[in-house]
């Protein structure tokens, strides 16, 4: 992975570690949210990407933090936490939201999952969500607790629907993006959601730790005729860069990045009637962007280094935030921040990566620019 994670103490483990080790992961690399992650397997990471793009790949994404927020005040405190209007979320739906501080800077990105109007699940990474929730919950009729039992299996790829649909008692094709349903899969109770982090059609299976290994094995067994294979987190990073999906906080390295500066306008409901942390500040910052998030195709046979500076005519104008060499697209790709006046498509920049590498600003996402893979007609 081109974004090295900070060293953390291991505080939890996936029950699927036994499978990850059998597949060749040492689980000795960086942890994420206190959980060792299977960054690589014995299989070739580029073969895993091909599987996800053309067939299906199965990921263990249990490293995400899932926080249950329940009670009469659940909606009230979540609505104060995030930049979207949570009151509009209906049971069985979810939505990505920004979380900003009093200065209007992003401190986390969150998936707000509505099970009913008094029961929500928040899926988030390594930001400030849980500390802020604890403060908001004081004196309120609400229970906030991290779910340490839940495991998340993410089946990504165009054949994912073919693998799962025969095992379900409803028409999986009718489950829209960002919707979820309680159901039974291979005789085990799960929550099945449509979504993912790969830029492909995919589904996430939320299950108990007791059922995770069984479900992992059964999905791979039923998926074998369709070419489904286990996929490592290194391949997940390759697919998410190809799909231009941001990773907090690595694509927000300034520490005070606003949603407007990373093309996250969609995560701020400007007409939201209620108040929330940082509302006045974040709305005032629209139109005052110091930089814009851009995509680069680099004339290099490898990934450029994250943190490399961008120059135009000898003037420093930006920085690389994420990068990869996509063997699938046969291109060196990067996401970067650049001063707004230099952000036009087609602009040529110089990336200082030890050597100087020429790069061109291109439309994002790099793969499937119309996002028809995740949102087919």
Protein backbone atom coordinates (compact mmCIF):
# COMPACT_ATOMS: atom_id res chain seq x y z
CA UNK A 1 0.00 0.00 0.00
CA UNK A 2 1.32 3.44 -0.93
CA UNK A 3 -0.11 5.14 2.15
CA UNK A 4 1.80 3.78 5.17
CA UNK A 5 -0.40 3.64 8.25
CA UNK A 6 0.75 4.87 11.64
CA UNK A 7 1.88 2.21 14.08
CA UNK A 8 -0.92 1.09 16.38
CA UNK A 9 -1.36 -1.38 19.20
CA UNK A 10 -3.42 -4.43 18.31
CA UNK A 11 -6.70 -4.20 20.22
CA UNK A 12 -8.84 -6.64 18.23
CA UNK A 13 -8.52 -9.42 15.69
CA UNK A 14 -10.64 -10.77 12.88
CA UNK A 15 -11.71 -14.38 13.41
CA UNK A 16 -10.79 -14.77 9.72
CA UNK A 17 -7.08 -14.42 10.56
CA UNK A 18 -6.83 -18.20 10.36
CA UNK A 19 -7.89 -18.02 6.70
CA UNK A 20 -5.66 -15.03 5.97
CA UNK A 21 -2.62 -16.92 7.26
CA UNK A 22 -3.52 -19.97 5.17
CA UNK A 23 -3.63 -17.65 2.15
CA UNK A 24 -0.14 -16.33 2.89
CA UNK A 25 -0.70 -13.19 4.95
CA UNK A 26 1.70 -12.73 7.85
CA UNK A 27 -0.58 -10.14 9.51
CA UNK A 28 2.66 -8.56 10.75
CA UNK A 29 2.31 -5.26 8.90
CA UNK A 30 0.55 -2.09 9.94
CA UNK A 31 -2.72 -2.40 11.79
CA UNK A 32 -5.80 -0.29 11.06
CA UNK A 33 -8.18 0.75 13.81
CA UNK A 34 -6.30 -1.63 16.10
CA UNK A 35 -6.82 -4.67 13.83
CA UNK A 36 -4.08 -6.53 11.89
CA UNK A 37 -4.93 -6.40 8.19
CA UNK A 38 -4.19 -8.97 5.42
CA UNK A 39 -2.29 -6.63 3.14
CA UNK A 40 -1.09 -9.41 0.83
CA UNK A 41 -1.56 -13.09 0.07
CA UNK A 42 0.55 -15.60 -1.85
CA UNK A 43 -1.52 -14.72 -4.92
CA UNK A 44 -0.45 -11.93 -7.28
CA UNK A 45 -2.10 -8.66 -6.30
CA UNK A 46 -2.73 -7.77 -9.95
CA UNK A 47 -4.50 -11.09 -10.51
CA UNK A 48 -6.73 -10.20 -7.59
CA UNK A 49 -7.58 -6.87 -9.25
CA UNK A 50 -8.45 -8.68 -12.49
CA UNK A 51 -10.73 -11.01 -10.52
CA UNK A 52 -12.54 -8.08 -8.91
CA UNK A 53 -12.87 -6.26 -12.23
CA UNK A 54 -14.03 -9.25 -14.30
CA UNK A 55 -15.36 -11.89 -11.87
CA UNK A 56 -15.43 -11.44 -8.09
CA UNK A 57 -13.08 -11.00 -5.16
CA UNK A 58 -13.86 -11.52 -1.47
CA UNK A 59 -12.44 -9.08 1.08
CA UNK A 60 -12.45 -9.10 4.88
CA UNK A 61 -13.14 -5.47 5.80
CA UNK A 62 -13.87 -6.12 9.47
CA UNK A 63 -11.25 -3.48 10.32
CA UNK A 64 -13.91 -0.83 9.89
CA UNK A 65 -15.31 0.55 13.14
CA UNK A 66 -19.03 -0.15 13.53
CA UNK A 67 -20.73 1.91 16.23
CA UNK A 68 -24.31 1.20 17.29
CA UNK A 69 -26.28 4.30 18.25
CA UNK A 70 -29.72 3.55 19.65
CA UNK A 71 -32.48 5.13 21.70
CA UNK A 72 -34.94 8.03 21.49
CA UNK A 73 -32.11 10.58 21.05
CA UNK A 74 -30.14 8.58 18.45
CA UNK A 75 -31.33 10.60 15.47
CA UNK A 76 -30.81 13.88 17.33
CA UNK A 77 -27.14 13.32 18.20
CA UNK A 78 -26.17 11.81 14.83
CA UNK A 79 -27.76 14.78 13.08
CA UNK A 80 -25.57 17.06 15.20
CA UNK A 81 -22.50 15.03 14.26
CA UNK A 82 -22.59 15.03 10.46
CA UNK A 83 -23.04 17.39 7.52
CA UNK A 84 -25.97 15.56 5.90
CA UNK A 85 -29.63 15.76 6.91
CA UNK A 86 -30.03 12.47 8.78
CA UNK A 87 -33.76 13.07 9.28
CA UNK A 88 -34.26 12.19 5.60
CA UNK A 89 -32.75 8.71 5.96
CA UNK A 90 -35.37 5.96 5.82
CA UNK A 91 -35.01 2.53 7.48
CA UNK A 92 -32.99 0.18 5.29
CA UNK A 93 -30.95 2.97 3.72
CA UNK A 94 -27.52 4.45 4.30
CA UNK A 95 -25.54 7.44 3.15
CA UNK A 96 -21.97 8.67 3.26
CA UNK A 97 -21.54 11.79 5.38
CA UNK A 98 -18.80 14.19 6.31
CA UNK A 99 -17.86 15.07 9.86
CA UNK A 100 -16.20 18.45 10.42
CA UNK A 101 -14.86 20.31 13.44
CA UNK A 102 -15.82 23.80 14.58
CA UNK A 103 -13.42 25.23 11.97
CA UNK A 104 -15.16 23.36 9.14
CA UNK A 105 -12.30 20.87 8.57
CA UNK A 106 -12.93 17.19 7.91
CA UNK A 107 -12.22 14.96 10.91
CA UNK A 108 -13.81 11.76 9.55
CA UNK A 109 -16.01 10.36 6.85
CA UNK A 110 -18.84 8.12 7.96
CA UNK A 111 -21.41 5.76 6.54
CA UNK A 112 -24.63 6.46 8.40
CA UNK A 113 -26.75 3.30 8.29
CA UNK A 114 -30.40 3.61 9.34
CA UNK A 115 -32.03 0.42 10.62
CA UNK A 116 -34.96 2.36 12.08
CA UNK A 117 -35.47 5.83 13.51
CA UNK A 118 -34.08 4.81 16.90
CA UNK A 119 -31.36 2.42 15.70
CA UNK A 120 -28.39 3.47 13.59
CA UNK A 121 -25.01 2.02 12.79
CA UNK A 122 -22.05 4.26 11.99
CA UNK A 123 -19.28 2.76 9.88
CA UNK A 124 -16.09 4.81 10.03
CA UNK A 125 -12.33 4.64 9.87
CA UNK A 126 -9.74 6.26 12.08
CA UNK A 127 -11.21 9.72 12.65
CA UNK A 128 -12.70 11.54 15.64
CA UNK A 129 -16.20 10.05 15.46
CA UNK A 130 -16.33 8.07 18.68
CA UNK A 131 -14.82 10.79 20.86
CA UNK A 132 -17.27 13.35 19.51
CA UNK A 133 -20.21 10.98 19.85
CA UNK A 134 -19.37 10.41 23.50
CA UNK A 135 -19.57 14.16 24.12
CA UNK A 136 -22.83 14.56 22.22
CA UNK A 137 -24.40 11.62 24.09
CA UNK A 138 -23.88 13.11 27.55
CA UNK A 139 -27.23 13.62 29.26
CA UNK A 140 -29.16 12.23 26.30
CA UNK A 141 -31.43 9.17 26.16
CA UNK A 142 -29.12 7.24 23.86
CA UNK A 143 -26.76 4.27 23.93
CA UNK A 144 -23.50 4.45 21.98
CA UNK A 145 -21.30 1.36 21.78
CA UNK A 146 -18.81 -0.08 19.33
CA UNK A 147 -19.74 -3.49 17.97
CA UNK A 148 -16.69 -5.68 18.50
CA UNK A 149 -18.45 -8.84 17.34
CA UNK A 150 -19.54 -7.81 13.85
CA UNK A 151 -17.48 -9.00 10.87
CA UNK A 152 -17.86 -7.61 7.35
CA UNK A 153 -17.30 -9.71 4.22
CA UNK A 154 -17.19 -7.61 1.06
CA UNK A 155 -17.85 -9.48 -2.19
CA UNK A 156 -16.91 -7.22 -5.09
CA UNK A 157 -17.17 -7.74 -8.82
CA UNK A 158 -19.68 -8.23 -11.66
CA UNK A 159 -20.33 -11.89 -10.75
CA UNK A 160 -21.07 -11.12 -7.10
CA UNK A 161 -24.79 -11.04 -7.83
CA UNK A 162 -24.62 -14.46 -9.53
CA UNK A 163 -22.90 -15.96 -6.48
CA UNK A 164 -25.26 -14.59 -3.83
CA UNK A 165 -28.65 -14.38 -5.54
CA UNK A 166 -29.38 -18.16 -5.64
CA UNK A 167 -28.78 -18.35 -1.87
CA UNK A 168 -31.31 -15.63 -0.95
CA UNK A 169 -35.09 -15.59 -0.58
CA UNK A 170 -35.48 -12.26 -2.42
CA UNK A 171 -34.41 -10.85 -5.79
CA UNK A 172 -30.95 -9.42 -5.18
CA UNK A 173 -31.10 -7.44 -8.43
CA UNK A 174 -33.83 -5.35 -6.82
CA UNK A 175 -31.63 -4.20 -3.94
CA UNK A 176 -30.55 -0.63 -4.81
CA UNK A 177 -27.17 0.92 -4.05
CA UNK A 178 -26.82 2.07 -0.42
CA UNK A 179 -29.73 -0.14 0.67
CA UNK A 180 -29.56 -3.06 3.09
CA UNK A 181 -31.79 -5.84 4.34
CA UNK A 182 -31.83 -8.36 7.17
CA UNK A 183 -31.82 -11.83 5.66
CA UNK A 184 -30.47 -15.34 5.91
CA UNK A 185 -27.39 -16.45 3.93
CA UNK A 186 -26.36 -20.11 3.99
CA UNK A 187 -28.63 -20.55 7.03
CA UNK A 188 -27.01 -17.75 9.03
CA UNK A 189 -28.60 -14.42 9.97
CA UNK A 190 -26.87 -11.48 8.30
CA UNK A 191 -27.42 -7.94 7.12
CA UNK A 192 -26.74 -7.70 3.40
CA UNK A 193 -25.90 -4.28 1.95
CA UNK A 194 -25.16 -3.17 -1.58
CA UNK A 195 -21.97 -1.13 -1.74
CA UNK A 196 -18.21 -1.39 -1.47
CA UNK A 197 -14.90 0.34 -2.02
CA UNK A 198 -13.74 -1.12 -5.34
CA UNK A 199 -15.61 0.74 -8.06
CA UNK A 200 -17.52 -2.46 -8.95
CA UNK A 201 -20.93 -3.86 -8.25
CA UNK A 202 -20.64 -5.49 -4.85
CA UNK A 203 -22.26 -6.51 -1.60
CA UNK A 204 -21.23 -6.39 2.06
CA UNK A 205 -22.26 -9.14 4.43
CA UNK A 206 -22.47 -8.05 8.09
CA UNK A 207 -22.36 -11.13 10.31
CA UNK A 208 -21.42 -12.31 13.79
CA UNK A 209 -17.90 -13.49 14.57
CA UNK A 210 -19.29 -16.98 15.17
CA UNK A 211 -20.53 -17.18 11.56
CA UNK A 212 -17.74 -15.33 9.73
CA UNK A 213 -15.44 -18.25 8.86
CA UNK A 214 -18.36 -20.43 7.70
CA UNK A 215 -19.76 -17.65 5.51
CA UNK A 216 -16.30 -16.85 4.08
CA UNK A 217 -15.81 -20.50 3.13
CA UNK A 218 -19.30 -20.88 1.64
CA UNK A 219 -19.07 -17.71 -0.46
CA UNK A 220 -15.76 -18.89 -1.91
CA UNK A 221 -17.12 -22.41 -2.48
CA UNK A 222 -20.23 -21.16 -4.28
CA UNK A 223 -18.15 -18.54 -6.07
CA UNK A 224 -15.55 -20.95 -7.43
CA UNK A 225 -17.48 -21.70 -10.68
CA UNK A 226 -17.61 -17.93 -11.28
CA UNK A 227 -13.87 -17.40 -10.73
CA UNK A 228 -14.23 -15.80 -7.30
CA UNK A 229 -11.02 -15.64 -5.21
CA UNK A 230 -9.95 -14.12 -1.86
CA UNK A 231 -8.56 -10.62 -2.29
CA UNK A 232 -6.02 -8.76 -0.15
CA UNK A 233 -6.07 -5.17 1.04
CA UNK A 234 -3.26 -4.24 -1.34
CA UNK A 235 -5.62 -5.08 -4.20
CA UNK A 236 -8.38 -3.11 -2.49
CA UNK A 237 -6.08 -0.09 -2.45
CA UNK A 238 -5.34 -0.52 -6.16
CA UNK A 239 -9.03 -0.72 -7.06
CA UNK A 240 -10.04 2.23 -4.88
CA UNK A 241 -7.38 4.47 -6.49
CA UNK A 242 -8.52 3.39 -9.96
CA UNK A 243 -12.04 4.32 -8.84
CA UNK A 244 -10.78 7.61 -7.28
CA UNK A 245 -12.26 6.80 -3.88
CA UNK A 246 -10.79 8.85 -1.04
CA UNK A 247 -9.15 7.37 2.05
CA UNK A 248 -9.36 9.46 5.23
CA UNK A 249 -6.99 10.92 6.40
CA UNK A 250 -4.44 10.18 3.65
CA UNK A 251 -6.23 12.17 0.97
CA UNK A 252 -6.63 15.04 3.46
CA UNK A 253 -2.98 15.49 4.54
CA UNK A 254 -3.21 19.18 5.43
CA UNK A 255 -5.08 18.42 8.66
CA UNK A 256 -7.61 21.20 8.01
CA UNK A 257 -8.98 20.04 4.66
CA UNK A 258 -12.55 21.11 3.90
CA UNK A 259 -15.11 19.01 1.98
CA UNK A 260 -15.09 21.57 -0.85
CA UNK A 261 -11.36 21.05 -1.41
CA UNK A 262 -11.68 17.30 -2.05
CA UNK A 263 -14.80 17.30 -4.25
CA UNK A 264 -17.00 16.15 -1.37
CA UNK A 265 -19.76 18.69 -2.02
CA UNK A 266 -22.18 15.74 -2.10
CA UNK A 267 -21.57 15.05 1.61
CA UNK A 268 -22.77 18.50 2.76
CA UNK A 269 -26.49 19.25 2.65
CA UNK A 270 -26.40 23.02 2.35
CA UNK A 271 -30.14 23.27 3.02
CA UNK A 272 -30.00 21.14 6.17
CA UNK A 273 -32.28 22.94 8.66
CA UNK A 274 -30.76 21.66 11.88
CA UNK A 275 -27.52 22.74 13.48
CA UNK A 276 -24.42 20.54 13.60
CA UNK A 277 -20.80 20.85 14.67
CA UNK A 278 -18.98 23.25 12.34
CA UNK A 279 -22.04 24.15 10.24
CA UNK A 280 -21.44 27.90 10.10
CA UNK A 281 -17.73 27.48 9.37
CA UNK A 282 -18.02 24.84 6.66
CA UNK A 283 -20.72 26.73 4.76
CA UNK A 284 -18.66 29.94 4.86
CA UNK A 285 -15.63 28.10 3.46
CA UNK A 286 -17.39 27.15 0.22
CA UNK A 287 -15.78 29.11 -2.61
CA UNK A 288 -12.62 29.73 -0.59
CA UNK A 289 -10.79 26.53 -1.60
CA UNK A 290 -7.02 26.70 -1.23
CA UNK A 291 -6.62 23.68 -3.53
CA UNK A 292 -8.66 21.18 -5.50
CA UNK A 293 -8.54 17.38 -5.63
CA UNK A 294 -7.36 16.22 -9.06
CA UNK A 295 -6.39 13.06 -10.90
CA UNK A 296 -3.05 12.57 -12.63
CA UNK A 297 -1.82 10.17 -15.28
CA UNK A 298 1.94 10.01 -14.74
CA UNK A 299 4.48 9.13 -17.43
CA UNK A 300 6.14 6.53 -15.26
CA UNK A 301 6.36 2.73 -15.16
CA UNK A 302 5.71 2.70 -11.44
CA UNK A 303 3.67 4.49 -8.81
CA UNK A 304 4.96 7.91 -7.84
CA UNK A 305 5.63 8.51 -4.16
CA UNK A 306 2.85 9.84 -1.96
CA UNK A 307 3.89 13.28 -0.72
CA UNK A 308 5.72 14.16 -3.94
CA UNK A 309 5.38 17.85 -4.79
CA UNK A 310 3.85 19.16 -7.99
CA UNK A 311 5.50 21.95 -9.98
CA UNK A 312 4.55 24.11 -12.95
CA UNK A 313 7.25 26.34 -14.48
CA UNK A 314 9.39 25.77 -11.38
CA UNK A 315 6.63 26.89 -8.99
CA UNK A 316 5.32 24.49 -6.33
CA UNK A 317 1.58 24.09 -6.88
CA UNK A 318 0.48 20.89 -5.16
CA UNK A 319 1.14 17.49 -3.58
CA UNK A 320 0.35 13.82 -4.33
CA UNK A 321 -2.05 12.27 -1.78
CA UNK A 322 -2.56 8.72 -3.16
CA UNK A 323 -0.95 6.78 -6.00
CA UNK A 324 -0.70 3.39 -7.65
CA UNK A 325 0.59 1.70 -10.74
CA UNK A 326 -2.49 0.14 -12.32
CA UNK A 327 -1.45 -2.92 -14.29
CA UNK A 328 -5.11 -3.34 -15.19
CA UNK A 329 -5.20 0.08 -16.90
CA UNK A 330 -1.46 0.04 -17.72
CA UNK A 331 -1.06 3.51 -16.21
CA UNK A 332 0.67 5.21 -13.30
CA UNK A 333 -2.13 7.00 -11.44
CA UNK A 334 -2.19 9.56 -8.68
CA UNK A 335 -4.66 11.69 -6.80
CA UNK A 336 -3.32 15.05 -5.74
CA UNK A 337 -4.13 18.48 -4.37
CA UNK A 338 -3.33 21.46 -6.58
CA UNK A 339 -3.95 25.19 -6.39
CA UNK A 340 -7.34 25.92 -8.02
CA UNK A 341 -5.91 28.10 -10.78
CA UNK A 342 -3.90 25.14 -12.10
CA UNK A 343 -6.63 22.48 -11.85
CA UNK A 344 -7.89 22.49 -15.44
CA UNK A 345 -8.07 19.15 -17.28
CA UNK A 346 -5.15 18.65 -19.65
CA UNK A 347 -2.70 20.71 -17.61
CA UNK A 348 0.83 19.27 -17.50
CA UNK A 349 2.65 19.21 -14.17
CA UNK A 350 6.02 17.92 -12.99
CA UNK A 351 6.00 15.42 -10.12
CA UNK A 352 9.16 15.45 -8.00
CA UNK A 353 9.63 11.78 -7.21
CA UNK A 354 13.40 11.69 -6.77
CA UNK A 355 13.45 12.11 -10.52
CA UNK A 356 11.12 14.47 -12.29
CA UNK A 357 8.03 12.79 -13.77
CA UNK A 358 5.68 14.53 -16.17
CA UNK A 359 1.97 14.08 -15.50
CA UNK A 360 -1.31 15.29 -16.97
CA UNK A 361 -4.47 16.26 -15.11
CA UNK A 362 -7.28 13.94 -16.22
CA UNK A 363 -10.90 13.29 -15.39
CA UNK A 364 -11.64 11.10 -12.38
CA UNK A 365 -12.46 8.34 -11.72
CA UNK A 366 -9.70 6.81 -13.81
CA UNK A 367 -11.69 3.58 -14.17
CA UNK A 368 -15.32 3.65 -15.29
CA UNK A 369 -15.64 7.46 -15.38
CA UNK A 370 -19.45 7.32 -15.55
CA UNK A 371 -19.61 4.84 -12.63
CA UNK A 372 -21.92 2.53 -14.55
CA UNK A 373 -20.30 -0.49 -12.89
CA UNK A 374 -21.63 0.48 -9.47
CA UNK A 375 -24.77 2.21 -10.75
CA UNK A 376 -25.89 0.26 -13.86
CA UNK A 377 -29.09 1.25 -15.64
